[in-house]
């Protein structure tokens, strides 16, 4: 398989350990959304990162 944008290939792995309740939550959301657990976790992580960046930008504007 060949990709035009090699930088967009996700080849780095991060492992996350969850307790039983957290794991059950991820399983339930993945079933409801009909997405794979890893895809759902990736989307949540990216959404959280965007939220943090937006909050940081907002705080910087307030202090300016």
Protein backbone atom coordinates (compact mmCIF):
# COMPACT_ATOMS: atom_id res chain seq x y z
CA UNK A 1 0.00 0.00 0.00
CA UNK A 2 1.36 3.41 -0.94
CA UNK A 3 0.41 6.76 0.58
CA UNK A 4 0.87 10.17 -1.01
CA UNK A 5 1.25 11.88 2.36
CA UNK A 6 3.64 9.64 4.29
CA UNK A 7 3.56 12.01 7.27
CA UNK A 8 -0.13 11.22 7.77
CA UNK A 9 0.43 7.49 8.31
CA UNK A 10 -0.22 6.63 11.95
CA UNK A 11 2.59 4.31 12.95
CA UNK A 12 3.24 5.38 16.56
CA UNK A 13 1.54 3.43 19.33
CA UNK A 14 0.50 4.72 22.75
CA UNK A 15 -0.89 2.28 25.28
CA UNK A 16 -3.45 3.40 27.85
CA UNK A 17 -4.57 1.37 30.83
CA UNK A 18 -8.18 1.69 32.00
CA UNK A 19 -9.99 0.43 35.05
CA UNK A 20 -13.08 -1.77 34.63
CA UNK A 21 -15.57 1.12 34.69
CA UNK A 22 -13.60 3.21 32.19
CA UNK A 23 -13.25 0.20 29.89
CA UNK A 24 -16.98 -0.52 30.11
CA UNK A 25 -17.68 3.12 29.18
CA UNK A 26 -15.44 2.92 26.10
CA UNK A 27 -17.05 -0.36 25.07
CA UNK A 28 -20.55 1.08 25.44
CA UNK A 29 -19.73 4.22 23.45
CA UNK A 30 -18.02 2.18 20.73
CA UNK A 31 -21.07 -0.04 20.38
CA UNK A 32 -23.44 2.93 20.29
CA UNK A 33 -21.36 4.81 17.74
CA UNK A 34 -20.50 1.65 15.80
CA UNK A 35 -16.83 2.58 15.82
CA UNK A 36 -13.78 0.60 16.82
CA UNK A 37 -12.51 1.31 20.32
CA UNK A 38 -9.17 2.63 19.06
CA UNK A 39 -10.88 4.95 16.56
CA UNK A 40 -13.18 6.29 19.24
CA UNK A 41 -10.30 6.80 21.68
CA UNK A 42 -8.31 8.60 18.97
CA UNK A 43 -11.24 10.92 18.21
CA UNK A 44 -11.71 11.68 21.92
CA UNK A 45 -8.01 12.40 22.33
CA UNK A 46 -7.95 14.75 19.34
CA UNK A 47 -11.09 16.56 20.54
CA UNK A 48 -9.50 17.00 23.97
CA UNK A 49 -6.31 18.37 22.45
CA UNK A 50 -8.28 20.87 20.36
CA UNK A 51 -10.25 21.95 23.43
CA UNK A 52 -7.05 22.47 25.43
CA UNK A 53 -5.52 24.52 22.62
CA UNK A 54 -8.65 26.69 22.37
CA UNK A 55 -8.69 27.27 26.14
CA UNK A 56 -5.00 28.20 26.11
CA UNK A 57 -5.60 30.66 23.27
CA UNK A 58 -8.53 32.18 25.16
CA UNK A 59 -6.46 32.56 28.34
CA UNK A 60 -3.64 34.23 26.41
CA UNK A 61 -6.09 36.76 24.95
CA UNK A 62 -7.43 37.54 28.43
CA UNK A 63 -3.94 38.26 29.77
CA UNK A 64 -2.99 40.48 26.81
